[in-house]
Amino acid sequence: VQLQASGGGLVQAGGSLRLSCVDSGRTFRGRPMGWFRRAPGKEREFVAAVNWTGNNRYYDDSVKGRFTISRDNAKNTMYLQMDSLKSEDTAIYYCAVQRGRWGTKFVADYDSWGQGTLVTVSS
């Protein structure tokens, strides 16, 4: 596994967390990247994606206006700033490389998945 996600933890509703995804093998060079999450008992779902240069991004409606995706290619790292967290944001968060068309939200269009980091939001 070459993508390493970190930064998860326990936070109260309304709080913030910043997730990081480090690419130790330069897997995402030149490619868009994305964040997904899997809540207990649910399927993995799309959260956000950012293009290679970091100047274009898109989000799932459930996090729009609260989460911000970014990347620092000099550090081989992608971020997810999560603000105004809600209990329904509780999930394991994964980072991955986008291989499909820009704008896709399908799990099958991403690969090189990291191991995930757990975010728990208490109400």
PDB file of N, CA and C in Angstrom:
ATOM      1  N   VAL A   1       0.851  -1.180   0.000  1.00  0.00           N
ATOM      2  CA  VAL A   1       0.000   0.000   0.000  1.00  0.00           C
ATOM      3  C   VAL A   1       0.891   1.235   0.000  1.00  0.00           C
ATOM      4  N   GLN A   2       0.658   2.149  -0.940  1.00  0.00           N
ATOM      5  CA  GLN A   2       1.518   3.310  -1.048  1.00  0.00           C
ATOM      6  C   GLN A   2       0.844   4.595  -0.602  1.00  0.00           C
ATOM      7  N   LEU A   3      -0.491   4.560  -0.422  1.00  0.00           N
ATOM      8  CA  LEU A   3      -1.205   5.711   0.094  1.00  0.00           C
ATOM      9  C   LEU A   3      -1.482   5.494   1.572  1.00  0.00           C
ATOM     10  N   GLN A   4      -1.147   6.476   2.370  1.00  0.00           N
ATOM     11  CA  GLN A   4      -1.307   6.371   3.821  1.00  0.00           C
ATOM     12  C   GLN A   4      -2.192   7.507   4.297  1.00  0.00           C
ATOM     13  N   ALA A   5      -3.413   7.174   4.754  1.00  0.00           N
ATOM     14  CA  ALA A   5      -4.328   8.184   5.290  1.00  0.00           C
ATOM     15  C   ALA A   5      -4.144   8.292   6.795  1.00  0.00           C
ATOM     16  N   SER A   6      -4.278   9.493   7.309  1.00  0.00           N
ATOM     17  CA  SER A   6      -4.154   9.720   8.748  1.00  0.00           C
ATOM     18  C   SER A   6      -4.937  10.964   9.137  1.00  0.00           C
ATOM     19  N   GLY A   7      -5.040  11.202  10.446  1.00  0.00           N
ATOM     20  CA  GLY A   7      -5.689  12.402  10.938  1.00  0.00           C
ATOM     21  C   GLY A   7      -7.064  12.171  11.525  1.00  0.00           C
ATOM     22  N   GLY A   8      -7.556  10.950  11.455  1.00  0.00           N
ATOM     23  CA  GLY A   8      -8.858  10.665  12.029  1.00  0.00           C
ATOM     24  C   GLY A   8      -8.827  10.702  13.542  1.00  0.00           C
ATOM     25  N   GLY A   9     -10.006  10.651  14.138  1.00  0.00           N
ATOM     26  CA  GLY A   9     -10.097  10.669  15.586  1.00  0.00           C
ATOM     27  C   GLY A   9     -11.516  10.890  16.038  1.00  0.00           C
ATOM     28  N   LEU A  10     -11.656  11.164  17.329  1.00  0.00           N
ATOM     29  CA  LEU A  10     -12.963  11.422  17.939  1.00  0.00           C
ATOM     30  C   LEU A  10     -13.142  12.923  18.103  1.00  0.00           C
ATOM     31  N   VAL A  11     -14.268  13.433  17.634  1.00  0.00           N
ATOM     32  CA  VAL A  11     -14.541  14.868  17.716  1.00  0.00           C
ATOM     33  C   VAL A  11     -16.026  15.066  17.997  1.00  0.00           C
ATOM     34  N   GLN A  12     -16.342  16.145  18.668  1.00  0.00           N
ATOM     35  CA  GLN A  12     -17.737  16.460  18.934  1.00  0.00           C
ATOM     36  C   GLN A  12     -18.401  17.066  17.707  1.00  0.00           C
ATOM     37  N   ALA A  13     -19.695  16.912  17.611  1.00  0.00           N
ATOM     38  CA  ALA A  13     -20.439  17.522  16.514  1.00  0.00           C
ATOM     39  C   ALA A  13     -20.188  19.028  16.495  1.00  0.00           C
ATOM     40  N   GLY A  14     -19.986  19.550  15.298  1.00  0.00           N
ATOM     41  CA  GLY A  14     -19.654  20.957  15.140  1.00  0.00           C
ATOM     42  C   GLY A  14     -18.165  21.223  15.094  1.00  0.00           C
ATOM     43  N   GLY A  15     -17.376  20.215  15.427  1.00  0.00           N
ATOM     44  CA  GLY A  15     -15.932  20.371  15.444  1.00  0.00           C
ATOM     45  C   GLY A  15     -15.302  20.155  14.088  1.00  0.00           C
ATOM     46  N   SER A  16     -13.956  20.133  14.078  1.00  0.00           N
ATOM     47  CA  SER A  16     -13.196  20.027  12.831  1.00  0.00           C
ATOM     48  C   SER A  16     -12.105  18.973  12.948  1.00  0.00           C
ATOM     49  N   LEU A  17     -11.751  18.427  11.807  1.00  0.00           N
ATOM     50  CA  LEU A  17     -10.610  17.530  11.682  1.00  0.00           C
ATOM     51  C   LEU A  17      -9.972  17.767  10.317  1.00  0.00           C
ATOM     52  N   ARG A  18      -8.677  17.470  10.236  1.00  0.00           N
ATOM     53  CA  ARG A  18      -7.979  17.552   8.949  1.00  0.00           C
ATOM     54  C   ARG A  18      -7.327  16.218   8.659  1.00  0.00           C
ATOM     55  N   LEU A  19      -7.757  15.593   7.589  1.00  0.00           N
ATOM     56  CA  LEU A  19      -7.180  14.323   7.176  1.00  0.00           C
ATOM     57  C   LEU A  19      -6.053  14.562   6.180  1.00  0.00           C
ATOM     58  N   SER A  20      -5.075  13.680   6.202  1.00  0.00           N
ATOM     59  CA  SER A  20      -3.972  13.736   5.254  1.00  0.00           C
ATOM     60  C   SER A  20      -3.843  12.395   4.548  1.00  0.00           C
ATOM     61  N   CYS A  21      -3.368  12.445   3.315  1.00  0.00           N
ATOM     62  CA  CYS A  21      -3.105  11.230   2.546  1.00  0.00           C
ATOM     63  C   CYS A  21      -1.738  11.402   1.895  1.00  0.00           C
ATOM     64  N   VAL A  22      -0.782  10.630   2.354  1.00  0.00           N
ATOM     65  CA  VAL A  22       0.584  10.730   1.854  1.00  0.00           C
ATOM     66  C   VAL A  22       0.836   9.613   0.845  1.00  0.00           C
ATOM     67  N   ASP A  23       1.408   9.994  -0.275  1.00  0.00           N
ATOM     68  CA  ASP A  23       1.744   9.035  -1.326  1.00  0.00           C
ATOM     69  C   ASP A  23       3.241   8.755  -1.285  1.00  0.00           C
ATOM     70  N   SER A  24       3.601   7.643  -0.697  1.00  0.00           N
ATOM     71  CA  SER A  24       5.024   7.338  -0.540  1.00  0.00           C
ATOM     72  C   SER A  24       5.652   6.837  -1.832  1.00  0.00           C
ATOM     73  N   GLY A  25       4.830   6.404  -2.768  1.00  0.00           N
ATOM     74  CA  GLY A  25       5.370   5.846  -4.010  1.00  0.00           C
ATOM     75  C   GLY A  25       5.086   6.684  -5.244  1.00  0.00           C
ATOM     76  N   ARG A  26       4.673   7.922  -5.041  1.00  0.00           N
ATOM     77  CA  ARG A  26       4.355   8.832  -6.145  1.00  0.00           C
ATOM     78  C   ARG A  26       3.316   8.202  -7.064  1.00  0.00           C
ATOM     79  N   THR A  27       2.375   7.481  -6.441  1.00  0.00           N
ATOM     80  CA  THR A  27       1.331   6.798  -7.200  1.00  0.00           C
ATOM     81  C   THR A  27       0.425   7.770  -7.925  1.00  0.00           C
ATOM     82  N   PHE A  28       0.184   8.948  -7.301  1.00  0.00           N
ATOM     83  CA  PHE A  28      -0.807   9.841  -7.875  1.00  0.00           C
ATOM     84  C   PHE A  28      -0.228  10.921  -8.777  1.00  0.00           C
ATOM     85  N   ARG A  29       1.015  10.757  -9.158  1.00  0.00           N
ATOM     86  CA  ARG A  29       1.642  11.793  -9.987  1.00  0.00           C
ATOM     87  C   ARG A  29       0.847  12.019 -11.263  1.00  0.00           C
ATOM     88  N   GLY A  30       0.415  13.245 -11.475  1.00  0.00           N
ATOM     89  CA  GLY A  30      -0.314  13.606 -12.685  1.00  0.00           C
ATOM     90  C   GLY A  30      -1.782  13.246 -12.676  1.00  0.00           C
ATOM     91  N   ARG A  31      -2.269  12.629 -11.605  1.00  0.00           N
ATOM     92  CA  ARG A  31      -3.645  12.137 -11.569  1.00  0.00           C
ATOM     93  C   ARG A  31      -4.491  12.899 -10.561  1.00  0.00           C
ATOM     94  N   PRO A  32      -5.803  12.976 -10.829  1.00  0.00           N
ATOM     95  CA  PRO A  32      -6.711  13.468  -9.805  1.00  0.00           C
ATOM     96  C   PRO A  32      -6.758  12.474  -8.635  1.00  0.00           C
ATOM     97  N   MET A  33      -7.151  12.982  -7.493  1.00  0.00           N
ATOM     98  CA  MET A  33      -7.259  12.151  -6.298  1.00  0.00           C
ATOM     99  C   MET A  33      -8.627  12.345  -5.667  1.00  0.00           C
ATOM    100  N   GLY A  34      -9.011  11.400  -4.830  1.00  0.00           N
ATOM    101  CA  GLY A  34     -10.304  11.526  -4.182  1.00  0.00           C
ATOM    102  C   GLY A  34     -10.326  10.965  -2.775  1.00  0.00           C
ATOM    103  N   TRP A  35     -11.327  11.390  -2.049  1.00  0.00           N
ATOM    104  CA  TRP A  35     -11.632  10.842  -0.719  1.00  0.00           C
ATOM    105  C   TRP A  35     -12.977  10.133  -0.782  1.00  0.00           C
ATOM    106  N   PHE A  36     -13.053   9.003  -0.149  1.00  0.00           N
ATOM    107  CA  PHE A  36     -14.287   8.247   0.018  1.00  0.00           C
ATOM    108  C   PHE A  36     -14.453   7.956   1.496  1.00  0.00           C
ATOM    109  N   ARG A  37     -15.631   7.478   1.856  1.00  0.00           N
ATOM    110  CA  ARG A  37     -15.860   7.062   3.233  1.00  0.00           C
ATOM    111  C   ARG A  37     -16.842   5.898   3.268  1.00  0.00           C
ATOM    112  N   ARG A  38     -16.718   5.109   4.339  1.00  0.00           N
ATOM    113  CA  ARG A  38     -17.642   4.009   4.552  1.00  0.00           C
ATOM    114  C   ARG A  38     -18.149   4.070   5.982  1.00  0.00           C
ATOM    115  N   ALA A  39     -19.421   4.388   6.101  1.00  0.00           N
ATOM    116  CA  ALA A  39     -20.062   4.437   7.411  1.00  0.00           C
ATOM    117  C   ALA A  39     -20.453   3.023   7.831  1.00  0.00           C
ATOM    118  N   PRO A  40     -20.651   2.785   9.118  1.00  0.00           N
ATOM    119  CA  PRO A  40     -21.028   1.451   9.599  1.00  0.00           C
ATOM    120  C   PRO A  40     -22.278   0.944   8.901  1.00  0.00           C
ATOM    121  N   GLY A  41     -22.190  -0.246   8.334  1.00  0.00           N
ATOM    122  CA  GLY A  41     -23.336  -0.850   7.690  1.00  0.00           C
ATOM    123  C   GLY A  41     -23.681  -0.306   6.319  1.00  0.00           C
ATOM    124  N   LYS A  42     -22.826   0.554   5.785  1.00  0.00           N
ATOM    125  CA  LYS A  42     -23.103   1.156   4.477  1.00  0.00           C
ATOM    126  C   LYS A  42     -21.990   0.876   3.483  1.00  0.00           C
ATOM    127  N   GLU A  43     -22.282   1.166   2.220  1.00  0.00           N
ATOM    128  CA  GLU A  43     -21.291   1.001   1.167  1.00  0.00           C
ATOM    129  C   GLU A  43     -20.328   2.195   1.175  1.00  0.00           C
ATOM    130  N   ARG A  44     -19.169   1.974   0.582  1.00  0.00           N
ATOM    131  CA  ARG A  44     -18.213   3.071   0.422  1.00  0.00           C
ATOM    132  C   ARG A  44     -18.818   4.117  -0.508  1.00  0.00           C
ATOM    133  N   GLU A  45     -18.698   5.392  -0.136  1.00  0.00           N
ATOM    134  CA  GLU A  45     -19.298   6.458  -0.918  1.00  0.00           C
ATOM    135  C   GLU A  45     -18.298   7.586  -1.163  1.00  0.00           C
ATOM    136  N   PHE A  46     -18.518   8.265  -2.266  1.00  0.00           N
ATOM    137  CA  PHE A  46     -17.665   9.372  -2.666  1.00  0.00           C
ATOM    138  C   PHE A  46     -17.835  10.565  -1.740  1.00  0.00           C
ATOM    139  N   VAL A  47     -16.725  11.256  -1.467  1.00  0.00           N
ATOM    140  CA  VAL A  47     -16.761  12.471  -0.653  1.00  0.00           C
ATOM    141  C   VAL A  47     -16.309  13.689  -1.470  1.00  0.00           C
ATOM    142  N   ALA A  48     -15.107  13.625  -2.031  1.00  0.00           N
ATOM    143  CA  ALA A  48     -14.561  14.770  -2.753  1.00  0.00           C
ATOM    144  C   ALA A  48     -13.425  14.328  -3.654  1.00  0.00           C
ATOM    145  N   ALA A  49     -13.136  15.156  -4.673  1.00  0.00           N
ATOM    146  CA  ALA A  49     -12.019  14.889  -5.562  1.00  0.00           C
ATOM    147  C   ALA A  49     -11.351  16.201  -5.959  1.00  0.00           C
ATOM    148  N   VAL A  50     -10.069  16.100  -6.260  1.00  0.00           N
ATOM    149  CA  VAL A  50      -9.283  17.273  -6.663  1.00  0.00           C
ATOM    150  C   VAL A  50      -8.408  16.890  -7.846  1.00  0.00           C
ATOM    151  N   ASN A  51      -8.224  17.819  -8.784  1.00  0.00           N
ATOM    152  CA  ASN A  51      -7.408  17.505  -9.951  1.00  0.00           C
ATOM    153  C   ASN A  51      -5.925  17.617  -9.613  1.00  0.00           C
ATOM    154  N   TRP A  52      -5.060  17.328 -10.583  1.00  0.00           N
ATOM    155  CA  TRP A  52      -3.631  17.261 -10.329  1.00  0.00           C
ATOM    156  C   TRP A  52      -3.072  18.592  -9.834  1.00  0.00           C
ATOM    157  N   THR A  53      -3.492  19.689 -10.444  1.00  0.00           N
ATOM    158  CA  THR A  53      -2.929  20.989 -10.057  1.00  0.00           C
ATOM    159  C   THR A  53      -3.579  21.554  -8.809  1.00  0.00           C
ATOM    160  N   GLY A  54      -4.699  20.986  -8.396  1.00  0.00           N
ATOM    161  CA  GLY A  54      -5.359  21.460  -7.186  1.00  0.00           C
ATOM    162  C   GLY A  54      -6.297  22.631  -7.391  1.00  0.00           C
ATOM    163  N   ASN A  55      -6.495  23.050  -8.623  1.00  0.00           N
ATOM    164  CA  ASN A  55      -7.323  24.228  -8.866  1.00  0.00           C
ATOM    165  C   ASN A  55      -8.749  23.878  -9.298  1.00  0.00           C
ATOM    166  N   ASN A  56      -9.085  22.616  -9.274  1.00  0.00           N
ATOM    167  CA  ASN A  56     -10.441  22.202  -9.613  1.00  0.00           C
ATOM    168  C   ASN A  56     -10.827  21.038  -8.696  1.00  0.00           C
ATOM    169  N   ARG A  57     -12.036  21.082  -8.206  1.00  0.00           N
ATOM    170  CA  ARG A  57     -12.478  20.058  -7.253  1.00  0.00           C
ATOM    171  C   ARG A  57     -13.994  19.937  -7.309  1.00  0.00           C
ATOM    172  N   TYR A  58     -14.493  18.819  -6.809  1.00  0.00           N
ATOM    173  CA  TYR A  58     -15.937  18.648  -6.690  1.00  0.00           C
ATOM    174  C   TYR A  58     -16.231  17.782  -5.474  1.00  0.00           C
ATOM    175  N   TYR A  59     -17.472  17.925  -4.974  1.00  0.00           N
ATOM    176  CA  TYR A  59     -17.862  17.318  -3.708  1.00  0.00           C
ATOM    177  C   TYR A  59     -19.215  16.620  -3.829  1.00  0.00           C
ATOM    178  N   ASP A  60     -19.420  15.677  -2.931  1.00  0.00           N
ATOM    179  CA  ASP A  60     -20.762  15.151  -2.766  1.00  0.00           C
ATOM    180  C   ASP A  60     -21.604  16.226  -2.082  1.00  0.00           C
ATOM    181  N   ASP A  61     -22.889  16.252  -2.387  1.00  0.00           N
ATOM    182  CA  ASP A  61     -23.762  17.281  -1.823  1.00  0.00           C
ATOM    183  C   ASP A  61     -23.793  17.227  -0.298  1.00  0.00           C
ATOM    184  N   SER A  62     -23.581  16.056   0.277  1.00  0.00           N
ATOM    185  CA  SER A  62     -23.679  15.907   1.734  1.00  0.00           C
ATOM    186  C   SER A  62     -22.566  16.642   2.487  1.00  0.00           C
ATOM    187  N   VAL A  63     -21.471  16.969   1.801  1.00  0.00           N
ATOM    188  CA  VAL A  63     -20.351  17.635   2.476  1.00  0.00           C
ATOM    189  C   VAL A  63     -20.040  19.009   1.897  1.00  0.00           C
ATOM    190  N   LYS A  64     -20.725  19.368   0.833  1.00  0.00           N
ATOM    191  CA  LYS A  64     -20.460  20.646   0.167  1.00  0.00           C
ATOM    192  C   LYS A  64     -20.656  21.800   1.142  1.00  0.00           C
ATOM    193  N   GLY A  65     -19.692  22.706   1.183  1.00  0.00           N
ATOM    194  CA  GLY A  65     -19.765  23.848   2.078  1.00  0.00           C
ATOM    195  C   GLY A  65     -19.184  23.577   3.455  1.00  0.00           C
ATOM    196  N   ARG A  66     -18.899  22.314   3.761  1.00  0.00           N
ATOM    197  CA  ARG A  66     -18.320  21.973   5.072  1.00  0.00           C
ATOM    198  C   ARG A  66     -16.926  21.378   4.934  1.00  0.00           C
ATOM    199  N   PHE A  67     -16.684  20.648   3.862  1.00  0.00           N
ATOM    200  CA  PHE A  67     -15.390  19.990   3.645  1.00  0.00           C
ATOM    201  C   PHE A  67     -14.640  20.714   2.528  1.00  0.00           C
ATOM    202  N   THR A  68     -13.305  20.703   2.646  1.00  0.00           N
ATOM    203  CA  THR A  68     -12.457  21.285   1.605  1.00  0.00           C
ATOM    204  C   THR A  68     -11.326  20.318   1.279  1.00  0.00           C
ATOM    205  N   ILE A  69     -11.225  19.945   0.014  1.00  0.00           N
ATOM    206  CA  ILE A  69     -10.159  19.058  -0.431  1.00  0.00           C
ATOM    207  C   ILE A  69      -9.054  19.892  -1.050  1.00  0.00           C
ATOM    208  N   SER A  70      -7.814  19.486  -0.807  1.00  0.00           N
ATOM    209  CA  SER A  70      -6.670  20.205  -1.375  1.00  0.00           C
ATOM    210  C   SER A  70      -5.504  19.237  -1.505  1.00  0.00           C
ATOM    211  N   ARG A  71      -4.438  19.694  -2.146  1.00  0.00           N
ATOM    212  CA  ARG A  71      -3.249  18.850  -2.270  1.00  0.00           C
ATOM    213  C   ARG A  71      -2.005  19.711  -2.346  1.00  0.00           C
ATOM    214  N   ASP A  72      -0.911  19.124  -1.917  1.00  0.00           N
ATOM    215  CA  ASP A  72       0.404  19.761  -2.012  1.00  0.00           C
ATOM    216  C   ASP A  72       1.314  18.752  -2.698  1.00  0.00           C
ATOM    217  N   ASN A  73       1.496  18.900  -3.996  1.00  0.00           N
ATOM    218  CA  ASN A  73       2.249  17.906  -4.755  1.00  0.00           C
ATOM    219  C   ASN A  73       3.733  17.889  -4.377  1.00  0.00           C
ATOM    220  N   ALA A  74       4.232  18.996  -3.894  1.00  0.00           N
ATOM    221  CA  ALA A  74       5.629  19.031  -3.451  1.00  0.00           C
ATOM    222  C   ALA A  74       5.845  18.113  -2.253  1.00  0.00           C
ATOM    223  N   LYS A  75       4.789  17.900  -1.490  1.00  0.00           N
ATOM    224  CA  LYS A  75       4.852  17.015  -0.325  1.00  0.00           C
ATOM    225  C   LYS A  75       4.182  15.675  -0.586  1.00  0.00           C
ATOM    226  N   ASN A  76       3.733  15.455  -1.819  1.00  0.00           N
ATOM    227  CA  ASN A  76       3.038  14.209  -2.170  1.00  0.00           C
ATOM    228  C   ASN A  76       1.878  13.936  -1.214  1.00  0.00           C
ATOM    229  N   THR A  77       1.138  14.963  -0.875  1.00  0.00           N
ATOM    230  CA  THR A  77       0.099  14.849   0.136  1.00  0.00           C
ATOM    231  C   THR A  77      -1.188  15.510  -0.314  1.00  0.00           C
ATOM    232  N   MET A  78      -2.290  14.837  -0.013  1.00  0.00           N
ATOM    233  CA  MET A  78      -3.629  15.380  -0.238  1.00  0.00           C
ATOM    234  C   MET A  78      -4.290  15.558   1.125  1.00  0.00           C
ATOM    235  N   TYR A  79      -5.178  16.534   1.220  1.00  0.00           N
ATOM    236  CA  TYR A  79      -5.820  16.849   2.493  1.00  0.00           C
ATOM    237  C   TYR A  79      -7.336  16.873   2.354  1.00  0.00           C
ATOM    238  N   LEU A  80      -7.993  16.692   3.493  1.00  0.00           N
ATOM    239  CA  LEU A  80      -9.432  16.913   3.574  1.00  0.00           C
ATOM    240  C   LEU A  80      -9.706  17.650   4.872  1.00  0.00           C
ATOM    241  N   GLN A  81     -10.005  18.933   4.753  1.00  0.00           N
ATOM    242  CA  GLN A  81     -10.388  19.731   5.909  1.00  0.00           C
ATOM    243  C   GLN A  81     -11.878  19.559   6.129  1.00  0.00           C
ATOM    244  N   MET A  82     -12.237  19.081   7.301  1.00  0.00           N
ATOM    245  CA  MET A  82     -13.631  18.791   7.607  1.00  0.00           C
ATOM    246  C   MET A  82     -14.086  19.708   8.740  1.00  0.00           C
ATOM    247  N   ASP A  83     -15.031  20.573   8.453  1.00  0.00           N
ATOM    248  CA  ASP A  83     -15.577  21.510   9.436  1.00  0.00           C
ATOM    249  C   ASP A  83     -17.062  21.233   9.650  1.00  0.00           C
ATOM    250  N   SER A  84     -17.586  21.770  10.734  1.00  0.00           N
ATOM    251  CA  SER A  84     -19.015  21.599  11.057  1.00  0.00           C
ATOM    252  C   SER A  84     -19.417  20.132  10.970  1.00  0.00           C
ATOM    253  N   LEU A  85     -18.628  19.293  11.587  1.00  0.00           N
ATOM    254  CA  LEU A  85     -18.860  17.859  11.497  1.00  0.00           C
ATOM    255  C   LEU A  85     -20.173  17.457  12.149  1.00  0.00           C
ATOM    256  N   LYS A  86     -20.798  16.442  11.556  1.00  0.00           N
ATOM    257  CA  LYS A  86     -22.064  15.919  12.033  1.00  0.00           C
ATOM    258  C   LYS A  86     -21.882  14.442  12.384  1.00  0.00           C
ATOM    259  N   SER A  87     -22.803  13.925  13.164  1.00  0.00           N
ATOM    260  CA  SER A  87     -22.712  12.512  13.543  1.00  0.00           C
ATOM    261  C   SER A  87     -22.744  11.611  12.323  1.00  0.00           C
ATOM    262  N   GLU A  88     -23.451  12.034  11.292  1.00  0.00           N
ATOM    263  CA  GLU A  88     -23.533  11.208  10.073  1.00  0.00           C
ATOM    264  C   GLU A  88     -22.250  11.214   9.260  1.00  0.00           C
ATOM    265  N   ASP A  89     -21.271  12.007   9.651  1.00  0.00           N
ATOM    266  CA  ASP A  89     -19.956  11.979   9.010  1.00  0.00           C
ATOM    267  C   ASP A  89     -19.079  10.858   9.589  1.00  0.00           C
ATOM    268  N   THR A  90     -19.547  10.214  10.636  1.00  0.00           N
ATOM    269  CA  THR A  90     -18.793   9.111  11.230  1.00  0.00           C
ATOM    270  C   THR A  90     -18.589   8.001  10.202  1.00  0.00           C
ATOM    271  N   ALA A  91     -17.317   7.648   9.965  1.00  0.00           N
ATOM    272  CA  ALA A  91     -16.995   6.664   8.934  1.00  0.00           C
ATOM    273  C   ALA A  91     -15.490   6.434   8.923  1.00  0.00           C
ATOM    274  N   ILE A  92     -15.098   5.414   8.173  1.00  0.00           N
ATOM    275  CA  ILE A  92     -13.694   5.250   7.833  1.00  0.00           C
ATOM    276  C   ILE A  92     -13.478   6.006   6.519  1.00  0.00           C
ATOM    277  N   TYR A  93     -12.478   6.863   6.496  1.00  0.00           N
ATOM    278  CA  TYR A  93     -12.200   7.682   5.319  1.00  0.00           C
ATOM    279  C   TYR A  93     -10.987   7.115   4.580  1.00  0.00           C
ATOM    280  N   TYR A  94     -11.139   7.005   3.260  1.00  0.00           N
ATOM    281  CA  TYR A  94     -10.113   6.439   2.406  1.00  0.00           C
ATOM    282  C   TYR A  94      -9.699   7.438   1.336  1.00  0.00           C
ATOM    283  N   CYS A  95      -8.436   7.385   0.952  1.00  0.00           N
ATOM    284  CA  CYS A  95      -7.985   8.168  -0.195  1.00  0.00           C
ATOM    285  C   CYS A  95      -7.627   7.217  -1.330  1.00  0.00           C
ATOM    286  N   ALA A  96      -7.717   7.729  -2.551  1.00  0.00           N
ATOM    287  CA  ALA A  96      -7.471   6.883  -3.722  1.00  0.00           C
ATOM    288  C   ALA A  96      -7.110   7.749  -4.917  1.00  0.00           C
ATOM    289  N   VAL A  97      -6.591   7.085  -5.928  1.00  0.00           N
ATOM    290  CA  VAL A  97      -6.223   7.754  -7.176  1.00  0.00           C
ATOM    291  C   VAL A  97      -7.341   7.566  -8.196  1.00  0.00           C
ATOM    292  N   GLN A  98      -7.712   8.652  -8.851  1.00  0.00           N
ATOM    293  CA  GLN A  98      -8.773   8.577  -9.863  1.00  0.00           C
ATOM    294  C   GLN A  98      -8.201   8.132 -11.198  1.00  0.00           C
ATOM    295  N   ARG A  99      -8.774   7.071 -11.749  1.00  0.00           N
ATOM    296  CA  ARG A  99      -8.349   6.551 -13.053  1.00  0.00           C
ATOM    297  C   ARG A  99      -9.397   6.751 -14.128  1.00  0.00           C
ATOM    298  N   GLY A 100     -10.612   7.044 -13.711  1.00  0.00           N
ATOM    299  CA  GLY A 100     -11.687   7.236 -14.667  1.00  0.00           C
ATOM    300  C   GLY A 100     -11.755   8.676 -15.151  1.00  0.00           C
ATOM    301  N   ARG A 101     -12.883   9.023 -15.763  1.00  0.00           N
ATOM    302  CA  ARG A 101     -13.074  10.377 -16.277  1.00  0.00           C
ATOM    303  C   ARG A 101     -13.234  11.359 -15.125  1.00  0.00           C
ATOM    304  N   TRP A 102     -12.815  12.590 -15.360  1.00  0.00           N
ATOM    305  CA  TRP A 102     -12.964  13.650 -14.368  1.00  0.00           C
ATOM    306  C   TRP A 102     -14.450  13.844 -14.074  1.00  0.00           C
ATOM    307  N   GLY A 103     -14.774  13.917 -12.803  1.00  0.00           N
ATOM    308  CA  GLY A 103     -16.150  14.107 -12.385  1.00  0.00           C
ATOM    309  C   GLY A 103     -16.799  12.839 -11.873  1.00  0.00           C
ATOM    310  N   THR A 104     -16.102  11.708 -12.029  1.00  0.00           N
ATOM    311  CA  THR A 104     -16.688  10.461 -11.590  1.00  0.00           C
ATOM    312  C   THR A 104     -16.743  10.375 -10.071  1.00  0.00           C
ATOM    313  N   LYS A 105     -17.781   9.661  -9.591  1.00  0.00           N
ATOM    314  CA  LYS A 105     -17.933   9.412  -8.160  1.00  0.00           C
ATOM    315  C   LYS A 105     -17.989   7.913  -7.879  1.00  0.00           C
ATOM    316  N   PHE A 106     -17.727   7.120  -8.894  1.00  0.00           N
ATOM    317  CA  PHE A 106     -17.828   5.680  -8.741  1.00  0.00           C
ATOM    318  C   PHE A 106     -16.565   5.086  -8.141  1.00  0.00           C
ATOM    319  N   VAL A 107     -16.752   4.187  -7.192  1.00  0.00           N
ATOM    320  CA  VAL A 107     -15.632   3.516  -6.554  1.00  0.00           C
ATOM    321  C   VAL A 107     -14.751   2.818  -7.582  1.00  0.00           C
ATOM    322  N   ALA A 108     -15.365   2.220  -8.582  1.00  0.00           N
ATOM    323  CA  ALA A 108     -14.642   1.444  -9.590  1.00  0.00           C
ATOM    324  C   ALA A 108     -13.698   2.305 -10.427  1.00  0.00           C
ATOM    325  N   ASP A 109     -13.882   3.608 -10.422  1.00  0.00           N
ATOM    326  CA  ASP A 109     -13.026   4.518 -11.192  1.00  0.00           C
ATOM    327  C   ASP A 109     -11.817   5.001 -10.405  1.00  0.00           C
ATOM    328  N   TYR A 110     -11.612   4.428  -9.237  1.00  0.00           N
ATOM    329  CA  TYR A 110     -10.481   4.791  -8.385  1.00  0.00           C
ATOM    330  C   TYR A 110      -9.698   3.538  -8.017  1.00  0.00           C
ATOM    331  N   ASP A 111      -8.407   3.714  -7.770  1.00  0.00           N
ATOM    332  CA  ASP A 111      -7.614   2.588  -7.298  1.00  0.00           C
ATOM    333  C   ASP A 111      -6.501   3.077  -6.380  1.00  0.00           C
ATOM    334  N   SER A 112      -5.588   2.172  -6.048  1.00  0.00           N
ATOM    335  CA  SER A 112      -4.474   2.468  -5.132  1.00  0.00           C
ATOM    336  C   SER A 112      -4.991   2.953  -3.797  1.00  0.00           C
ATOM    337  N   TRP A 113      -5.996   2.291  -3.283  1.00  0.00           N
ATOM    338  CA  TRP A 113      -6.640   2.717  -2.043  1.00  0.00           C
ATOM    339  C   TRP A 113      -5.680   2.665  -0.861  1.00  0.00           C
ATOM    340  N   GLY A 114      -5.756   3.690  -0.005  1.00  0.00           N
ATOM    341  CA  GLY A 114      -5.044   3.680   1.260  1.00  0.00           C
ATOM    342  C   GLY A 114      -5.802   2.821   2.269  1.00  0.00           C
ATOM    343  N   GLN A 115      -5.251   2.685   3.460  1.00  0.00           N
ATOM    344  CA  GLN A 115      -5.820   1.780   4.449  1.00  0.00           C
ATOM    345  C   GLN A 115      -6.992   2.378   5.210  1.00  0.00           C
ATOM    346  N   GLY A 116      -7.215   3.669   5.132  1.00  0.00           N
ATOM    347  CA  GLY A 116      -8.337   4.307   5.807  1.00  0.00           C
ATOM    348  C   GLY A 116      -7.986   4.834   7.180  1.00  0.00           C
ATOM    349  N   THR A 117      -8.723   5.860   7.581  1.00  0.00           N
ATOM    350  CA  THR A 117      -8.570   6.440   8.909  1.00  0.00           C
ATOM    351  C   THR A 117      -9.961   6.697   9.474  1.00  0.00           C
ATOM    352  N   LEU A 118     -10.161   6.338  10.737  1.00  0.00           N
ATOM    353  CA  LEU A 118     -11.495   6.383  11.343  1.00  0.00           C
ATOM    354  C   LEU A 118     -11.801   7.765  11.902  1.00  0.00           C
ATOM    355  N   VAL A 119     -12.960   8.269  11.523  1.00  0.00           N
ATOM    356  CA  VAL A 119     -13.479   9.533  12.056  1.00  0.00           C
ATOM    357  C   VAL A 119     -14.764   9.219  12.814  1.00  0.00           C
ATOM    358  N   THR A 120     -14.810   9.620  14.072  1.00  0.00           N
ATOM    359  CA  THR A 120     -15.992   9.404  14.890  1.00  0.00           C
ATOM    360  C   THR A 120     -16.473  10.760  15.405  1.00  0.00           C
ATOM    361  N   VAL A 121     -17.722  11.084  15.091  1.00  0.00           N
ATOM    362  CA  VAL A 121     -18.304  12.355  15.513  1.00  0.00           C
ATOM    363  C   VAL A 121     -19.378  12.063  16.543  1.00  0.00           C
ATOM    364  N   SER A 122     -19.185  12.565  17.735  1.00  0.00           N
ATOM    365  CA  SER A 122     -20.146  12.342  18.805  1.00  0.00           C
ATOM    366  C   SER A 122     -21.158  13.485  18.848  1.00  0.00           C
ATOM    367  N   SER A 123     -22.409  13.128  19.082  1.00  0.00           N
ATOM    368  CA  SER A 123     -23.465  14.151  19.102  1.00  0.00           C
ATOM    369  C   SER A 123     -23.754  14.621  20.516  1.00  0.00           C
TER     370      SER A 123
END
